[in-house]
Each structure stands twice: as C-alpha cells, then as structure tokens.
C-alpha cells in the first residue's frame, strides 16, 4: 500500500488562505471608506468588480478541470 506521511510544520489549506485574504481585504477597504470616503469608495468598487471577475474565472476553470 502507498502510505502518505503527514507534512511537517503548519499546513493551511488554500481555501483558508483565500478566506483570510478576502477578510483582510474587506476590512482594509472598510477602513479606507470610513477614513477617506472619496478615495475609498472607488477603490472598494474596483476591488469588488475584480473579485467578481476572479470568482467567475475560477468557477469556469474548476468546471473545465472536471
């Protein structure tokens, strides 16, 4: 049988890293909007649009991989 040995050190899944990155970005944009509304709103809208595009691309990529 092929036995897989566990990895050494701390392992963080890709989904967890993506979630942490999303939360961190969301908090950053929220702080930016509160501190500088004229600057934060366009930046937040741009990041939201980029997030939607990346989500759609990842969804298509996962469907094509199946």
N, C-alpha and C. Protein backbone atom coordinates (compact mmCIF):
# COMPACT_ATOMS: atom_id res chain seq x y z
N UNK A 1 0.83 -1.20 0.00
CA UNK A 1 0.00 0.00 0.00
C UNK A 1 0.87 1.25 0.00
N UNK A 2 0.36 2.26 -0.62
CA UNK A 2 1.05 3.54 -0.60
C UNK A 2 0.58 4.35 0.60
N UNK A 3 1.48 4.57 1.52
CA UNK A 3 1.12 5.36 2.69
C UNK A 3 1.71 6.76 2.53
N UNK A 4 0.90 7.73 2.83
CA UNK A 4 1.33 9.12 2.72
C UNK A 4 1.68 9.62 4.11
N UNK A 5 2.88 10.12 4.24
CA UNK A 5 3.29 10.67 5.53
C UNK A 5 2.78 12.10 5.66
N UNK A 6 2.36 12.48 6.85
CA UNK A 6 1.88 13.86 7.03
C UNK A 6 3.00 14.87 6.84
N UNK A 7 2.63 16.04 6.38
CA UNK A 7 3.61 17.10 6.18
C UNK A 7 4.09 17.63 7.53
N UNK A 8 5.32 18.07 7.53
CA UNK A 8 5.85 18.66 8.75
C UNK A 8 5.50 20.14 8.79
N UNK A 9 5.37 20.67 9.98
CA UNK A 9 5.07 22.09 10.12
C UNK A 9 3.58 22.37 10.08
N UNK A 10 3.26 23.62 9.94
CA UNK A 10 1.86 24.05 9.93
C UNK A 10 1.36 24.04 8.49
N UNK A 11 0.20 23.42 8.29
CA UNK A 11 -0.40 23.37 6.97
C UNK A 11 -1.69 24.19 6.98
N UNK A 12 -1.80 25.12 6.06
CA UNK A 12 -3.02 25.92 5.92
C UNK A 12 -3.55 25.68 4.52
N UNK A 13 -4.81 25.30 4.42
CA UNK A 13 -5.38 24.98 3.11
C UNK A 13 -5.51 26.23 2.25
N UNK A 14 -5.64 26.01 0.96
CA UNK A 14 -5.80 27.13 0.03
C UNK A 14 -7.08 27.89 0.29
N UNK A 15 -8.13 27.16 0.64
CA UNK A 15 -9.41 27.84 0.92
C UNK A 15 -9.29 28.74 2.14
N UNK A 16 -8.58 28.28 3.15
CA UNK A 16 -8.40 29.11 4.34
C UNK A 16 -7.58 30.35 4.02
N UNK A 17 -6.54 30.20 3.22
CA UNK A 17 -5.74 31.36 2.83
C UNK A 17 -6.56 32.34 2.01
N UNK A 18 -7.39 31.83 1.11
CA UNK A 18 -8.25 32.69 0.31
C UNK A 18 -9.26 33.42 1.19
N UNK A 19 -9.83 32.72 2.16
CA UNK A 19 -10.79 33.35 3.07
C UNK A 19 -10.12 34.42 3.91
N UNK A 20 -8.93 34.13 4.43
CA UNK A 20 -8.21 35.13 5.23
C UNK A 20 -7.85 36.35 4.39
N UNK A 21 -7.44 36.13 3.16
CA UNK A 21 -7.13 37.25 2.27
C UNK A 21 -8.36 38.09 1.96
N UNK A 22 -9.49 37.43 1.76
CA UNK A 22 -10.72 38.15 1.47
C UNK A 22 -11.17 38.98 2.67
N UNK A 23 -11.10 38.39 3.85
CA UNK A 23 -11.50 39.12 5.06
C UNK A 23 -10.57 40.29 5.30
N UNK A 24 -9.27 40.08 5.14
CA UNK A 24 -8.31 41.16 5.33
C UNK A 24 -8.53 42.30 4.35
N UNK A 25 -8.79 41.96 3.10
CA UNK A 25 -9.04 42.99 2.09
C UNK A 25 -10.33 43.73 2.40
N UNK A 26 -11.35 43.00 2.82
CA UNK A 26 -12.62 43.64 3.17
C UNK A 26 -12.48 44.61 4.33
N UNK A 27 -11.73 44.22 5.34
CA UNK A 27 -11.51 45.12 6.48
C UNK A 27 -10.70 46.34 6.07
N UNK A 28 -9.72 46.14 5.21
CA UNK A 28 -8.91 47.26 4.73
C UNK A 28 -9.77 48.26 3.96
N UNK A 29 -10.61 47.75 3.07
CA UNK A 29 -11.47 48.64 2.27
C UNK A 29 -12.49 49.34 3.16
N UNK A 30 -13.03 48.63 4.15
CA UNK A 30 -13.98 49.26 5.07
C UNK A 30 -13.32 50.41 5.82
N UNK A 31 -12.11 50.19 6.30
CA UNK A 31 -11.38 51.25 6.98
C UNK A 31 -11.06 52.41 6.06
N UNK A 32 -10.72 52.09 4.82
CA UNK A 32 -10.42 53.13 3.84
C UNK A 32 -11.65 53.97 3.53
N UNK A 33 -12.80 53.32 3.39
CA UNK A 33 -14.05 54.05 3.11
C UNK A 33 -14.41 54.95 4.28
N UNK A 34 -14.23 54.45 5.49
CA UNK A 34 -14.56 55.27 6.67
C UNK A 34 -13.60 56.45 6.82
N UNK A 35 -12.34 56.23 6.52
CA UNK A 35 -11.35 57.29 6.69
C UNK A 35 -11.37 58.30 5.54
N UNK A 36 -11.47 57.80 4.33
CA UNK A 36 -11.42 58.66 3.14
C UNK A 36 -12.53 58.26 2.17
N UNK A 37 -13.75 58.76 2.38
CA UNK A 37 -14.87 58.31 1.54
C UNK A 37 -14.66 58.56 0.04
N UNK A 38 -14.08 59.69 -0.32
CA UNK A 38 -13.91 59.99 -1.76
C UNK A 38 -12.91 59.05 -2.42
N UNK A 39 -11.96 58.57 -1.68
CA UNK A 39 -10.95 57.67 -2.22
C UNK A 39 -11.35 56.21 -2.03
N UNK A 40 -11.94 55.91 -0.89
CA UNK A 40 -12.24 54.52 -0.55
C UNK A 40 -13.35 53.89 -1.37
N UNK A 41 -14.36 54.68 -1.72
CA UNK A 41 -15.49 54.11 -2.46
C UNK A 41 -15.07 53.63 -3.85
N UNK A 42 -14.35 54.44 -4.64
CA UNK A 42 -13.93 53.91 -5.96
C UNK A 42 -12.98 52.72 -5.86
N UNK A 43 -12.09 52.75 -4.88
CA UNK A 43 -11.17 51.62 -4.70
C UNK A 43 -11.95 50.37 -4.30
N UNK A 44 -12.90 50.53 -3.38
CA UNK A 44 -13.72 49.40 -2.97
C UNK A 44 -14.55 48.83 -4.11
N UNK A 45 -15.10 49.72 -4.93
CA UNK A 45 -15.89 49.26 -6.08
C UNK A 45 -15.00 48.51 -7.08
N UNK A 46 -13.81 49.02 -7.29
CA UNK A 46 -12.88 48.34 -8.20
C UNK A 46 -12.47 46.97 -7.69
N UNK A 47 -12.19 46.87 -6.39
CA UNK A 47 -11.82 45.58 -5.81
C UNK A 47 -12.99 44.60 -5.85
N UNK A 48 -14.21 45.11 -5.63
CA UNK A 48 -15.38 44.24 -5.70
C UNK A 48 -15.58 43.70 -7.12
N UNK A 49 -15.41 44.57 -8.11
CA UNK A 49 -15.54 44.14 -9.50
C UNK A 49 -14.46 43.11 -9.85
N UNK A 50 -13.24 43.37 -9.40
CA UNK A 50 -12.16 42.42 -9.66
C UNK A 50 -12.44 41.08 -8.98
N UNK A 51 -12.99 41.12 -7.78
CA UNK A 51 -13.34 39.89 -7.07
C UNK A 51 -14.39 39.09 -7.80
N UNK A 52 -15.39 39.78 -8.37
CA UNK A 52 -16.43 39.07 -9.13
C UNK A 52 -15.85 38.42 -10.38
N UNK A 53 -14.98 39.14 -11.07
CA UNK A 53 -14.35 38.59 -12.28
C UNK A 53 -13.49 37.38 -11.92
N UNK A 54 -12.69 37.49 -10.87
CA UNK A 54 -11.84 36.36 -10.47
C UNK A 54 -12.67 35.16 -10.03
N UNK A 55 -13.78 35.41 -9.33
CA UNK A 55 -14.66 34.32 -8.90
C UNK A 55 -15.25 33.61 -10.11
N UNK A 56 -15.69 34.38 -11.10
CA UNK A 56 -16.25 33.78 -12.32
C UNK A 56 -15.19 32.97 -13.06
N UNK A 57 -13.98 33.51 -13.17
CA UNK A 57 -12.90 32.79 -13.85
C UNK A 57 -12.53 31.50 -13.12
N UNK A 58 -12.47 31.56 -11.79
CA UNK A 58 -12.14 30.35 -11.02
C UNK A 58 -13.24 29.30 -11.17
N UNK A 59 -14.49 29.75 -11.21
CA UNK A 59 -15.60 28.82 -11.38
C UNK A 59 -15.52 28.12 -12.74
N UNK A 60 -15.24 28.90 -13.79
CA UNK A 60 -15.10 28.31 -15.12
C UNK A 60 -13.91 27.36 -15.18
N UNK A 61 -12.81 27.73 -14.52
CA UNK A 61 -11.61 26.90 -14.52
C UNK A 61 -11.88 25.57 -13.83
N UNK A 62 -12.61 25.60 -12.70
CA UNK A 62 -12.91 24.37 -11.98
C UNK A 62 -13.84 23.48 -12.79
N UNK A 63 -14.80 24.09 -13.50
CA UNK A 63 -15.71 23.28 -14.32
C UNK A 63 -14.97 22.62 -15.47
N UNK A 64 -14.00 23.32 -16.05
CA UNK A 64 -13.26 22.74 -17.18
C UNK A 64 -12.29 21.66 -16.71
N UNK A 65 -11.89 21.69 -15.45
CA UNK A 65 -10.95 20.70 -14.92
C UNK A 65 -11.64 19.36 -14.64
N UNK A 66 -12.94 19.36 -14.54
CA UNK A 66 -13.67 18.12 -14.22
C UNK A 66 -13.78 17.20 -15.38
